[in-house]
Amino acid sequence: MSTALFGRLTAKPEVKNVGESQVSNFTVAKNVGYGEKQQTLFMNCSIWGKSATALATHFDKGNRIVVYGELEPNKYEGKNGTVDSVKLNVRSFDFVETKAESGASASKAESGASASKEDVPF
């Protein structure tokens, strides 16, 4: 099943060599729901080849990203029996913000800065 997921990286992607190819396993966090019913969904993802290297080079923890790929169901034996999970095999990804934009929003958040009425365009 093809899907697209918009969210934030939970950690800086790292590349591992597997034979003659590279793989990057990473997690994307997405908030779903509103108010008291809001939850965070964590989707495990993997991407192969040159795309894995590009992802690790250009993205960092907290960056917004859109990933496109195929959902892959998995089963494994856990402490309490069989566990069902889903992983996204990523075909491609898109930048949502640049590193400069990401850094600017992070520094504003850290300084406690907020938008004034003059900053809002409507």
C-alpha atoms as a PDB file:
ATOM      1  CA  MET A   1       0.000   0.000   0.000  1.00  0.00           C
ATOM      2  CA  SER A   2       1.496   3.340  -1.061  1.00  0.00           C
ATOM      3  CA  THR A   3       1.457   6.105   1.491  1.00  0.00           C
ATOM      4  CA  ALA A   4       2.865   9.539   2.282  1.00  0.00           C
ATOM      5  CA  LEU A   5       3.765  10.636   5.795  1.00  0.00           C
ATOM      6  CA  PHE A   6       4.479  14.165   7.005  1.00  0.00           C
ATOM      7  CA  GLY A   7       6.230  14.559  10.348  1.00  0.00           C
ATOM      8  CA  ARG A   8       9.481  15.215  12.191  1.00  0.00           C
ATOM      9  CA  LEU A   9      12.573  13.052  12.524  1.00  0.00           C
ATOM     10  CA  THR A  10      13.056  11.720  16.044  1.00  0.00           C
ATOM     11  CA  ALA A  11      16.847  11.436  15.636  1.00  0.00           C
ATOM     12  CA  LYS A  12      19.563  12.228  13.102  1.00  0.00           C
ATOM     13  CA  PRO A  13      19.485   9.515  10.410  1.00  0.00           C
ATOM     14  CA  GLU A  14      22.587   7.328  10.267  1.00  0.00           C
ATOM     15  CA  VAL A  15      23.787   5.306   7.292  1.00  0.00           C
ATOM     16  CA  LYS A  16      24.945   1.701   7.580  1.00  0.00           C
ATOM     17  CA  ASN A  17      26.673  -0.299   4.874  1.00  0.00           C
ATOM     18  CA  VAL A  18      24.960  -3.560   3.957  1.00  0.00           C
ATOM     19  CA  GLY A  19      27.042  -5.389   1.381  1.00  0.00           C
ATOM     20  CA  GLU A  20      27.590  -2.935  -1.462  1.00  0.00           C
ATOM     21  CA  SER A  21      24.555  -0.798  -0.572  1.00  0.00           C
ATOM     22  CA  GLN A  22      23.646   1.626   2.197  1.00  0.00           C
ATOM     23  CA  VAL A  23      20.571   1.731   4.428  1.00  0.00           C
ATOM     24  CA  SER A  24      19.234   4.306   6.839  1.00  0.00           C
ATOM     25  CA  ASN A  25      16.665   3.280   9.432  1.00  0.00           C
ATOM     26  CA  PHE A  26      14.884   6.218  11.060  1.00  0.00           C
ATOM     27  CA  THR A  27      11.637   7.175  12.784  1.00  0.00           C
ATOM     28  CA  VAL A  28       9.158   9.891  11.848  1.00  0.00           C
ATOM     29  CA  ALA A  29       6.844  11.291  14.544  1.00  0.00           C
ATOM     30  CA  LYS A  30       3.429  12.700  13.629  1.00  0.00           C
ATOM     31  CA  ASN A  31       0.776  14.184  15.903  1.00  0.00           C
ATOM     32  CA  VAL A  32      -2.734  12.886  15.226  1.00  0.00           C
ATOM     33  CA  GLY A  33      -6.002  14.028  16.767  1.00  0.00           C
ATOM     34  CA  TYR A  34      -6.803  17.255  18.580  1.00  0.00           C
ATOM     35  CA  GLY A  35      -7.003  18.551  22.121  1.00  0.00           C
ATOM     36  CA  GLU A  36      -7.066  15.943  24.883  1.00  0.00           C
ATOM     37  CA  LYS A  37      -7.300  13.152  22.295  1.00  0.00           C
ATOM     38  CA  GLN A  38      -4.054  14.143  20.569  1.00  0.00           C
ATOM     39  CA  GLN A  39      -1.512  11.350  20.302  1.00  0.00           C
ATOM     40  CA  THR A  40       1.869  10.984  18.644  1.00  0.00           C
ATOM     41  CA  LEU A  41       2.324   8.276  16.021  1.00  0.00           C
ATOM     42  CA  PHE A  42       5.871   6.938  15.548  1.00  0.00           C
ATOM     43  CA  MET A  43       6.513   5.284  12.157  1.00  0.00           C
ATOM     44  CA  ASN A  44       9.678   3.238  11.661  1.00  0.00           C
ATOM     45  CA  CYS A  45      11.101   3.827   8.185  1.00  0.00           C
ATOM     46  CA  SER A  46      13.988   2.588   6.063  1.00  0.00           C
ATOM     47  CA  ILE A  47      15.528   3.880   2.853  1.00  0.00           C
ATOM     48  CA  TRP A  48      18.218   2.268   0.692  1.00  0.00           C
ATOM     49  CA  GLY A  49      21.024   3.307  -1.661  1.00  0.00           C
ATOM     50  CA  LYS A  50      22.150   6.832  -2.472  1.00  0.00           C
ATOM     51  CA  SER A  51      18.901   8.178  -1.048  1.00  0.00           C
ATOM     52  CA  ALA A  52      19.956   6.888   2.390  1.00  0.00           C
ATOM     53  CA  THR A  53      23.184   8.882   2.188  1.00  0.00           C
ATOM     54  CA  ALA A  54      21.347  12.009   0.988  1.00  0.00           C
ATOM     55  CA  LEU A  55      18.838  11.752   3.829  1.00  0.00           C
ATOM     56  CA  ALA A  56      21.571  11.426   6.457  1.00  0.00           C
ATOM     57  CA  THR A  57      23.551  14.306   4.935  1.00  0.00           C
ATOM     58  CA  HIS A  58      20.722  16.844   4.740  1.00  0.00           C
ATOM     59  CA  PHE A  59      18.447  16.020   7.690  1.00  0.00           C
ATOM     60  CA  ASP A  60      18.798  16.227  11.454  1.00  0.00           C
ATOM     61  CA  LYS A  61      16.723  15.479  14.531  1.00  0.00           C
ATOM     62  CA  GLY A  62      13.523  17.536  14.587  1.00  0.00           C
ATOM     63  CA  ASN A  63      13.550  18.434  10.887  1.00  0.00           C
ATOM     64  CA  ARG A  64      10.220  18.254   9.107  1.00  0.00           C
ATOM     65  CA  ILE A  65      10.067  15.726   6.286  1.00  0.00           C
ATOM     66  CA  VAL A  66       7.599  14.118   3.909  1.00  0.00           C
ATOM     67  CA  VAL A  67       8.342  10.476   3.075  1.00  0.00           C
ATOM     68  CA  TYR A  68       6.682   8.365   0.368  1.00  0.00           C
ATOM     69  CA  GLY A  69       6.746   4.603   0.247  1.00  0.00           C
ATOM     70  CA  GLU A  70       5.147   1.237   0.816  1.00  0.00           C
ATOM     71  CA  LEU A  71       3.838  -0.058   4.125  1.00  0.00           C
ATOM     72  CA  GLU A  72       5.268  -3.428   5.138  1.00  0.00           C
ATOM     73  CA  PRO A  73       3.590  -5.452   7.892  1.00  0.00           C
ATOM     74  CA  ASN A  74       5.922  -7.317  10.267  1.00  0.00           C
ATOM     75  CA  LYS A  75       5.439  -9.911  12.990  1.00  0.00           C
ATOM     76  CA  TYR A  76       7.941 -10.858  15.650  1.00  0.00           C
ATOM     77  CA  GLU A  77       7.992 -12.623  18.996  1.00  0.00           C
ATOM     78  CA  GLY A  78       8.031 -10.231  21.937  1.00  0.00           C
ATOM     79  CA  LYS A  79       7.983 -10.770  25.698  1.00  0.00           C
ATOM     80  CA  ASN A  80       4.197 -11.160  25.714  1.00  0.00           C
ATOM     81  CA  GLY A  81       3.785 -13.170  22.505  1.00  0.00           C
ATOM     82  CA  THR A  82       3.501 -12.204  18.851  1.00  0.00           C
ATOM     83  CA  VAL A  83       3.739  -8.485  18.077  1.00  0.00           C
ATOM     84  CA  ASP A  84       2.342  -6.950  14.881  1.00  0.00           C
ATOM     85  CA  SER A  85       4.040  -3.827  13.538  1.00  0.00           C
ATOM     86  CA  VAL A  86       4.235  -1.785  10.354  1.00  0.00           C
ATOM     87  CA  LYS A  87       7.318  -0.269   8.690  1.00  0.00           C
ATOM     88  CA  LEU A  88       7.463   2.227   5.828  1.00  0.00           C
ATOM     89  CA  ASN A  89       9.894   1.305   3.026  1.00  0.00           C
ATOM     90  CA  VAL A  90      10.683   4.788   1.735  1.00  0.00           C
ATOM     91  CA  ARG A  91      11.023   5.341  -2.024  1.00  0.00           C
ATOM     92  CA  SER A  92      11.528   9.099  -1.860  1.00  0.00           C
ATOM     93  CA  PHE A  93      11.369  12.083   0.475  1.00  0.00           C
ATOM     94  CA  ASP A  94      10.880  15.847   0.290  1.00  0.00           C
ATOM     95  CA  PHE A  95      12.331  18.734   2.247  1.00  0.00           C
ATOM     96  CA  VAL A  96       9.722  20.747   4.130  1.00  0.00           C
ATOM     97  CA  GLU A  97      12.075  23.342   5.580  1.00  0.00           C
ATOM     98  CA  THR A  98      15.710  24.247   5.139  1.00  0.00           C
ATOM     99  CA  LYS A  99      18.281  23.791   7.895  1.00  0.00           C
ATOM    100  CA  ALA A 100      18.343  27.595   8.314  1.00  0.00           C
ATOM    101  CA  GLU A 101      14.545  27.701   8.791  1.00  0.00           C
ATOM    102  CA  SER A 102      14.722  24.800  11.218  1.00  0.00           C
ATOM    103  CA  GLY A 103      17.467  26.499  13.216  1.00  0.00           C
ATOM    104  CA  ALA A 104      15.604  29.811  13.260  1.00  0.00           C
ATOM    105  CA  SER A 105      12.409  28.232  14.576  1.00  0.00           C
ATOM    106  CA  ALA A 106      14.383  26.287  17.203  1.00  0.00           C
ATOM    107  CA  SER A 107      16.196  29.396  18.434  1.00  0.00           C
ATOM    108  CA  LYS A 108      12.891  31.314  18.650  1.00  0.00           C
ATOM    109  CA  ALA A 109      11.373  28.498  20.684  1.00  0.00           C
ATOM    110  CA  GLU A 110      14.374  28.395  23.017  1.00  0.00           C
ATOM    111  CA  SER A 111      14.317  32.165  23.558  1.00  0.00           C
ATOM    112  CA  GLY A 112      10.579  32.145  24.251  1.00  0.00           C
ATOM    113  CA  ALA A 113       9.892  34.518  21.362  1.00  0.00           C
ATOM    114  CA  SER A 114       6.357  34.666  20.087  1.00  0.00           C
ATOM    115  CA  ALA A 115       4.620  36.357  17.180  1.00  0.00           C
ATOM    116  CA  SER A 116       3.055  39.769  17.751  1.00  0.00           C
ATOM    117  CA  LYS A 117      -0.059  41.056  15.984  1.00  0.00           C
ATOM    118  CA  GLU A 118       2.233  42.845  13.501  1.00  0.00           C
ATOM    119  CA  ASP A 119       3.868  39.504  12.557  1.00  0.00           C
ATOM    120  CA  VAL A 120       0.576  37.868  11.579  1.00  0.00           C
ATOM    121  CA  PRO A 121      -0.246  38.571   7.899  1.00  0.00           C
ATOM    122  CA  PHE A 122      -4.061  38.542   8.313  1.00  0.00           C
END
